[in-house]
Amino acid sequence: MLYQTTRCRGLCLAATFLISVLFLVSNVHAETVVEGDVTEALGPDFFVDKAAIGGDDQVIKQGTIGVVRCDFAAIRPLNVGKAGSKVTITGLGWASPKSLSNTPTSVQVTIVYLGADGKGGGGDDVTIGSATAQYSNVKSGEYFLKFDKPMSAVVDGKSSFFRVDFSPLNEAGNALLLLKKEKDETKLTVAGVSQAVE
């Protein structure tokens, strides 16, 4: 009986170890922010496509959330049916200057539909999705994040305004993410499509 119990414990420990290894392996792959031409990389379908070098910087510090408000009808109206619109987002793009210090090693992004009033916080907001990606600020230029799995949700489509939240991270806890902007508008690109829901 003692042999069987010891053997069972050994098998259980081995199984637990194997599951842990498989879990770690499955999480080795992570989405990655890449430097390059945003329009070429994420096209051809966009809600808004404004990522470009030039202008001022929106500075986002680790521990805070950098909010970018976007009109998803900047290029064409959302396709809206009787039951709303299915919004599918395939990627994001922005432009950043070369950072000399406090560079993020990863960036978390969350995309939220701001409800019928287009302002948010009214109880009808819809979170489209969230992703965390590896990031390396190698030069001043455009950067894009192409989602491995597109974010998708059905919204009422009574407004075309969405919010993109950015959270930069590094081990030191002092990450700074700089996004290029013109006046008060951050120059963001959002790739994807909308489909009428009847």
C-alpha atoms as a PDB file:
ATOM      1  CA  MET A   1       0.000   0.000   0.000  1.00  0.00           C
ATOM      2  CA  LEU A   2       2.849   2.375   0.882  1.00  0.00           C
ATOM      3  CA  TYR A   3       4.493   1.605  -2.474  1.00  0.00           C
ATOM      4  CA  GLN A   4       1.268   2.340  -4.330  1.00  0.00           C
ATOM      5  CA  THR A   5       0.739   5.616  -2.441  1.00  0.00           C
ATOM      6  CA  THR A   6       4.301   6.765  -3.070  1.00  0.00           C
ATOM      7  CA  ARG A   7       4.015   5.767  -6.728  1.00  0.00           C
ATOM      8  CA  CYS A   8       0.725   7.681  -7.036  1.00  0.00           C
ATOM      9  CA  ARG A   9       2.268  10.772  -5.492  1.00  0.00           C
ATOM     10  CA  GLY A  10       5.181  10.509  -7.895  1.00  0.00           C
ATOM     11  CA  LEU A  11       2.873  10.225 -10.879  1.00  0.00           C
ATOM     12  CA  CYS A  12       0.795  13.176  -9.657  1.00  0.00           C
ATOM     13  CA  LEU A  13       3.884  15.323  -9.228  1.00  0.00           C
ATOM     14  CA  ALA A  14       5.106  14.351 -12.690  1.00  0.00           C
ATOM     15  CA  ALA A  15       1.715  15.176 -14.206  1.00  0.00           C
ATOM     16  CA  THR A  16       1.633  18.529 -12.409  1.00  0.00           C
ATOM     17  CA  PHE A  17       5.143  19.323 -13.664  1.00  0.00           C
ATOM     18  CA  LEU A  18       4.200  18.364 -17.227  1.00  0.00           C
ATOM     19  CA  ILE A  19       1.094  20.561 -17.132  1.00  0.00           C
ATOM     20  CA  SER A  20       3.166  23.470 -15.823  1.00  0.00           C
ATOM     21  CA  VAL A  21       5.724  23.023 -18.593  1.00  0.00           C
ATOM     22  CA  LEU A  22       3.006  22.881 -21.241  1.00  0.00           C
ATOM     23  CA  PHE A  23       1.412  26.014 -19.793  1.00  0.00           C
ATOM     24  CA  LEU A  24       4.709  27.873 -19.905  1.00  0.00           C
ATOM     25  CA  VAL A  25       5.417  26.715 -23.456  1.00  0.00           C
ATOM     26  CA  SER A  26       1.956  27.804 -24.592  1.00  0.00           C
ATOM     27  CA  ASN A  27       2.629  31.263 -23.178  1.00  0.00           C
ATOM     28  CA  VAL A  28       6.124  31.720 -24.618  1.00  0.00           C
ATOM     29  CA  HIS A  29       4.609  33.128 -27.813  1.00  0.00           C
ATOM     30  CA  ALA A  30       3.370  36.675 -27.367  1.00  0.00           C
ATOM     31  CA  GLU A  31       2.154  39.311 -29.737  1.00  0.00           C
ATOM     32  CA  THR A  32       4.860  41.766 -30.730  1.00  0.00           C
ATOM     33  CA  VAL A  33       4.848  45.438 -31.667  1.00  0.00           C
ATOM     34  CA  VAL A  34       6.852  45.865 -34.879  1.00  0.00           C
ATOM     35  CA  GLU A  35       8.517  48.953 -36.364  1.00  0.00           C
ATOM     36  CA  GLY A  36       7.479  49.605 -39.957  1.00  0.00           C
ATOM     37  CA  ASP A  37       4.960  51.118 -42.345  1.00  0.00           C
ATOM     38  CA  VAL A  38       1.637  50.933 -40.493  1.00  0.00           C
ATOM     39  CA  THR A  39      -0.647  51.345 -43.521  1.00  0.00           C
ATOM     40  CA  GLU A  40       1.167  48.697 -45.552  1.00  0.00           C
ATOM     41  CA  ALA A  41       1.328  46.236 -42.649  1.00  0.00           C
ATOM     42  CA  LEU A  42      -2.258  46.523 -41.412  1.00  0.00           C
ATOM     43  CA  GLY A  43      -4.222  47.339 -44.589  1.00  0.00           C
ATOM     44  CA  PRO A  44      -6.338  47.407 -46.569  1.00  0.00           C
ATOM     45  CA  ASP A  45      -9.276  47.958 -44.165  1.00  0.00           C
ATOM     46  CA  PHE A  46      -9.184  50.787 -41.612  1.00  0.00           C
ATOM     47  CA  PHE A  47     -11.501  52.634 -39.258  1.00  0.00           C
ATOM     48  CA  VAL A  48      -8.918  55.405 -38.961  1.00  0.00           C
ATOM     49  CA  ASP A  49      -5.396  55.676 -40.395  1.00  0.00           C
ATOM     50  CA  LYS A  50      -3.404  58.615 -39.043  1.00  0.00           C
ATOM     51  CA  ALA A  51      -0.204  57.123 -37.588  1.00  0.00           C
ATOM     52  CA  ALA A  52       2.746  59.251 -38.718  1.00  0.00           C
ATOM     53  CA  ILE A  53       5.925  60.843 -37.377  1.00  0.00           C
ATOM     54  CA  GLY A  54       5.827  64.567 -36.646  1.00  0.00           C
ATOM     55  CA  GLY A  55       4.132  66.815 -34.136  1.00  0.00           C
ATOM     56  CA  ASP A  56       4.159  66.670 -30.352  1.00  0.00           C
ATOM     57  CA  ASP A  57       4.199  63.712 -27.942  1.00  0.00           C
ATOM     58  CA  GLN A  58       1.523  62.207 -25.761  1.00  0.00           C
ATOM     59  CA  VAL A  59       3.551  60.874 -22.819  1.00  0.00           C
ATOM     60  CA  ILE A  60       2.126  57.844 -20.998  1.00  0.00           C
ATOM     61  CA  LYS A  61       3.779  56.781 -17.727  1.00  0.00           C
ATOM     62  CA  GLN A  62       3.744  53.283 -16.277  1.00  0.00           C
ATOM     63  CA  GLY A  63       0.998  52.995 -13.678  1.00  0.00           C
ATOM     64  CA  THR A  64      -1.288  55.308 -15.626  1.00  0.00           C
ATOM     65  CA  ILE A  65      -3.552  54.706 -18.611  1.00  0.00           C
ATOM     66  CA  GLY A  66      -3.055  56.717 -21.759  1.00  0.00           C
ATOM     67  CA  VAL A  67      -6.465  57.271 -23.317  1.00  0.00           C
ATOM     68  CA  VAL A  68      -6.913  57.916 -27.048  1.00  0.00           C
ATOM     69  CA  ARG A  69     -10.447  58.727 -28.258  1.00  0.00           C
ATOM     70  CA  CYS A  70     -11.117  57.679 -31.864  1.00  0.00           C
ATOM     71  CA  ASP A  71     -13.887  58.205 -34.373  1.00  0.00           C
ATOM     72  CA  PHE A  72     -14.258  54.842 -36.126  1.00  0.00           C
ATOM     73  CA  ALA A  73     -16.209  56.553 -38.901  1.00  0.00           C
ATOM     74  CA  ALA A  74     -13.229  58.715 -39.857  1.00  0.00           C
ATOM     75  CA  ILE A  75     -12.878  56.935 -43.211  1.00  0.00           C
ATOM     76  CA  ARG A  76     -16.345  55.479 -43.755  1.00  0.00           C
ATOM     77  CA  PRO A  77     -19.526  55.051 -41.646  1.00  0.00           C
ATOM     78  CA  LEU A  78     -19.965  51.954 -39.522  1.00  0.00           C
ATOM     79  CA  ASN A  79     -22.178  49.302 -41.101  1.00  0.00           C
ATOM     80  CA  VAL A  80     -25.161  49.184 -38.751  1.00  0.00           C
ATOM     81  CA  GLY A  81     -28.225  46.931 -38.944  1.00  0.00           C
ATOM     82  CA  LYS A  82     -31.366  46.580 -36.832  1.00  0.00           C
ATOM     83  CA  ALA A  83     -29.448  44.729 -34.119  1.00  0.00           C
ATOM     84  CA  GLY A  84     -26.319  46.851 -34.290  1.00  0.00           C
ATOM     85  CA  SER A  85     -22.852  46.418 -35.756  1.00  0.00           C
ATOM     86  CA  LYS A  86     -20.253  43.679 -35.386  1.00  0.00           C
ATOM     87  CA  VAL A  87     -16.930  45.465 -35.039  1.00  0.00           C
ATOM     88  CA  THR A  88     -13.778  43.452 -35.745  1.00  0.00           C
ATOM     89  CA  ILE A  89     -10.376  45.012 -35.047  1.00  0.00           C
ATOM     90  CA  THR A  90      -7.293  43.412 -36.593  1.00  0.00           C
ATOM     91  CA  GLY A  91      -4.526  45.758 -35.472  1.00  0.00           C
ATOM     92  CA  LEU A  92      -3.323  49.098 -34.138  1.00  0.00           C
ATOM     93  CA  GLY A  93      -0.619  51.493 -35.296  1.00  0.00           C
ATOM     94  CA  TRP A  94       1.052  54.605 -33.934  1.00  0.00           C
ATOM     95  CA  ALA A  95       4.248  56.624 -34.276  1.00  0.00           C
ATOM     96  CA  SER A  96       6.881  57.157 -31.593  1.00  0.00           C
ATOM     97  CA  PRO A  97      10.168  59.069 -31.353  1.00  0.00           C
ATOM     98  CA  LYS A  98      13.336  57.237 -30.370  1.00  0.00           C
ATOM     99  CA  SER A  99      13.320  56.912 -26.579  1.00  0.00           C
ATOM    100  CA  LEU A 100      16.660  57.340 -24.807  1.00  0.00           C
ATOM    101  CA  SER A 101      15.521  55.896 -21.477  1.00  0.00           C
ATOM    102  CA  ASN A 102      12.623  54.268 -19.634  1.00  0.00           C
ATOM    103  CA  THR A 103      11.642  52.279 -22.697  1.00  0.00           C
ATOM    104  CA  PRO A 104       8.688  49.900 -22.249  1.00  0.00           C
ATOM    105  CA  THR A 105       9.360  46.218 -22.832  1.00  0.00           C
ATOM    106  CA  SER A 106       5.657  45.549 -23.279  1.00  0.00           C
ATOM    107  CA  VAL A 107       2.477  47.488 -23.938  1.00  0.00           C
ATOM    108  CA  GLN A 108      -1.071  46.591 -22.953  1.00  0.00           C
ATOM    109  CA  VAL A 109      -3.910  47.928 -25.099  1.00  0.00           C
ATOM    110  CA  THR A 110      -7.651  47.815 -24.452  1.00  0.00           C
ATOM    111  CA  ILE A 111     -10.313  48.969 -26.906  1.00  0.00           C
ATOM    112  CA  VAL A 112     -13.730  50.137 -25.679  1.00  0.00           C
ATOM    113  CA  TYR A 113     -16.876  51.261 -27.509  1.00  0.00           C
ATOM    114  CA  LEU A 114     -18.111  54.445 -25.782  1.00  0.00           C
ATOM    115  CA  GLY A 115     -21.809  53.718 -26.050  1.00  0.00           C
ATOM    116  CA  ALA A 116     -24.672  55.551 -27.707  1.00  0.00           C
ATOM    117  CA  ASP A 117     -23.658  58.936 -26.257  1.00  0.00           C
ATOM    118  CA  GLY A 118     -20.066  58.565 -27.482  1.00  0.00           C
ATOM    119  CA  LYS A 119     -18.744  59.740 -24.112  1.00  0.00           C
ATOM    120  CA  GLY A 120     -18.303  56.597 -22.055  1.00  0.00           C
ATOM    121  CA  GLY A 121     -19.344  55.746 -18.536  1.00  0.00           C
ATOM    122  CA  GLY A 122     -23.056  55.688 -19.295  1.00  0.00           C
ATOM    123  CA  GLY A 123     -23.548  52.010 -18.615  1.00  0.00           C
ATOM    124  CA  ASP A 124     -23.635  51.028 -22.287  1.00  0.00           C
ATOM    125  CA  ASP A 125     -19.881  50.878 -22.944  1.00  0.00           C
ATOM    126  CA  VAL A 126     -18.615  47.670 -24.556  1.00  0.00           C
ATOM    127  CA  THR A 127     -15.059  46.359 -24.202  1.00  0.00           C
ATOM    128  CA  ILE A 128     -14.027  45.028 -27.609  1.00  0.00           C
ATOM    129  CA  GLY A 129     -10.865  43.352 -26.356  1.00  0.00           C
ATOM    130  CA  SER A 130      -7.457  43.631 -24.733  1.00  0.00           C
ATOM    131  CA  ALA A 131      -3.954  42.448 -25.621  1.00  0.00           C
ATOM    132  CA  THR A 132      -0.431  42.677 -24.207  1.00  0.00           C
ATOM    133  CA  ALA A 133       2.469  42.739 -26.646  1.00  0.00           C
ATOM    134  CA  GLN A 134       6.262  42.776 -26.463  1.00  0.00           C
ATOM    135  CA  TYR A 135       7.684  46.153 -27.441  1.00  0.00           C
ATOM    136  CA  SER A 136      11.095  47.535 -28.347  1.00  0.00           C
ATOM    137  CA  ASN A 137      11.561  51.182 -29.296  1.00  0.00           C
ATOM    138  CA  VAL A 138      14.353  50.736 -31.847  1.00  0.00           C
ATOM    139  CA  LYS A 139      14.076  54.048 -33.706  1.00  0.00           C
ATOM    140  CA  SER A 140      11.895  57.038 -34.404  1.00  0.00           C
ATOM    141  CA  GLY A 141       9.151  55.763 -36.675  1.00  0.00           C
ATOM    142  CA  GLU A 142       5.833  54.030 -37.078  1.00  0.00           C
ATOM    143  CA  TYR A 143       4.945  50.975 -34.985  1.00  0.00           C
ATOM    144  CA  PHE A 144       2.172  48.446 -35.475  1.00  0.00           C
ATOM    145  CA  LEU A 145       0.544  45.644 -33.513  1.00  0.00           C
ATOM    146  CA  LYS A 146      -1.221  43.047 -35.626  1.00  0.00           C
ATOM    147  CA  PHE A 147      -3.420  40.924 -33.395  1.00  0.00           C
ATOM    148  CA  ASP A 148      -2.911  37.155 -33.590  1.00  0.00           C
ATOM    149  CA  LYS A 149      -6.654  36.837 -33.011  1.00  0.00           C
ATOM    150  CA  PRO A 150      -8.817  39.810 -34.080  1.00  0.00           C
ATOM    151  CA  MET A 151     -10.862  41.536 -31.378  1.00  0.00           C
ATOM    152  CA  SER A 152     -14.585  41.456 -32.071  1.00  0.00           C
ATOM    153  CA  ALA A 153     -17.860  42.478 -30.413  1.00  0.00           C
ATOM    154  CA  VAL A 154     -21.365  43.578 -31.340  1.00  0.00           C
ATOM    155  CA  VAL A 155     -22.204  47.199 -30.447  1.00  0.00           C
ATOM    156  CA  ASP A 156     -25.383  49.209 -30.953  1.00  0.00           C
ATOM    157  CA  GLY A 157     -23.649  51.449 -33.508  1.00  0.00           C
ATOM    158  CA  LYS A 158     -25.536  54.544 -32.387  1.00  0.00           C
ATOM    159  CA  SER A 159     -22.171  56.266 -32.010  1.00  0.00           C
ATOM    160  CA  SER A 160     -18.886  55.761 -33.850  1.00  0.00           C
ATOM    161  CA  PHE A 161     -16.623  56.767 -30.957  1.00  0.00           C
ATOM    162  CA  PHE A 162     -14.247  54.319 -29.310  1.00  0.00           C
ATOM    163  CA  ARG A 163     -11.453  54.575 -26.727  1.00  0.00           C
ATOM    164  CA  VAL A 164      -8.037  52.934 -26.952  1.00  0.00           C
ATOM    165  CA  ASP A 165      -6.224  52.611 -23.614  1.00  0.00           C
ATOM    166  CA  PHE A 166      -2.421  52.199 -23.525  1.00  0.00           C
ATOM    167  CA  SER A 167      -0.446  50.912 -20.514  1.00  0.00           C
ATOM    168  CA  PRO A 168       3.363  50.681 -20.901  1.00  0.00           C
ATOM    169  CA  LEU A 169       5.364  48.264 -18.726  1.00  0.00           C
ATOM    170  CA  ASN A 170       8.965  47.428 -17.852  1.00  0.00           C
ATOM    171  CA  GLU A 171      10.646  45.630 -14.938  1.00  0.00           C
ATOM    172  CA  ALA A 172      11.955  48.862 -13.409  1.00  0.00           C
ATOM    173  CA  GLY A 173       8.413  50.215 -13.162  1.00  0.00           C
ATOM    174  CA  ASN A 174       9.315  53.481 -14.904  1.00  0.00           C
ATOM    175  CA  ALA A 175       8.252  52.860 -18.499  1.00  0.00           C
ATOM    176  CA  LEU A 176       7.342  55.803 -20.714  1.00  0.00           C
ATOM    177  CA  LEU A 177       5.424  55.371 -23.966  1.00  0.00           C
ATOM    178  CA  LEU A 178       5.442  58.331 -26.352  1.00  0.00           C
ATOM    179  CA  LEU A 179       2.761  58.590 -29.047  1.00  0.00           C
ATOM    180  CA  LYS A 180       2.954  61.259 -31.744  1.00  0.00           C
ATOM    181  CA  LYS A 181       0.082  63.733 -31.881  1.00  0.00           C
ATOM    182  CA  GLU A 182      -1.001  66.881 -33.703  1.00  0.00           C
ATOM    183  CA  LYS A 183      -2.430  69.498 -31.344  1.00  0.00           C
ATOM    184  CA  ASP A 184      -4.773  67.470 -29.121  1.00  0.00           C
ATOM    185  CA  GLU A 185      -5.257  64.503 -31.455  1.00  0.00           C
ATOM    186  CA  THR A 186      -3.067  61.419 -31.071  1.00  0.00           C
ATOM    187  CA  LYS A 187      -2.257  60.060 -34.525  1.00  0.00           C
ATOM    188  CA  LEU A 188      -3.548  56.519 -34.257  1.00  0.00           C
ATOM    189  CA  THR A 189      -4.350  53.860 -36.846  1.00  0.00           C
ATOM    190  CA  VAL A 190      -7.019  51.236 -36.189  1.00  0.00           C
ATOM    191  CA  ALA A 191      -7.442  48.441 -38.745  1.00  0.00           C
ATOM    192  CA  GLY A 192     -10.603  46.399 -39.097  1.00  0.00           C
ATOM    193  CA  VAL A 193     -14.116  46.145 -40.480  1.00  0.00           C
ATOM    194  CA  SER A 194     -17.721  46.507 -39.358  1.00  0.00           C
ATOM    195  CA  GLN A 195     -20.637  44.312 -40.354  1.00  0.00           C
ATOM    196  CA  ALA A 196     -24.350  45.114 -40.043  1.00  0.00           C
ATOM    197  CA  VAL A 197     -26.227  42.838 -37.626  1.00  0.00           C
ATOM    198  CA  GLU A 198     -29.885  42.344 -38.558  1.00  0.00           C
END
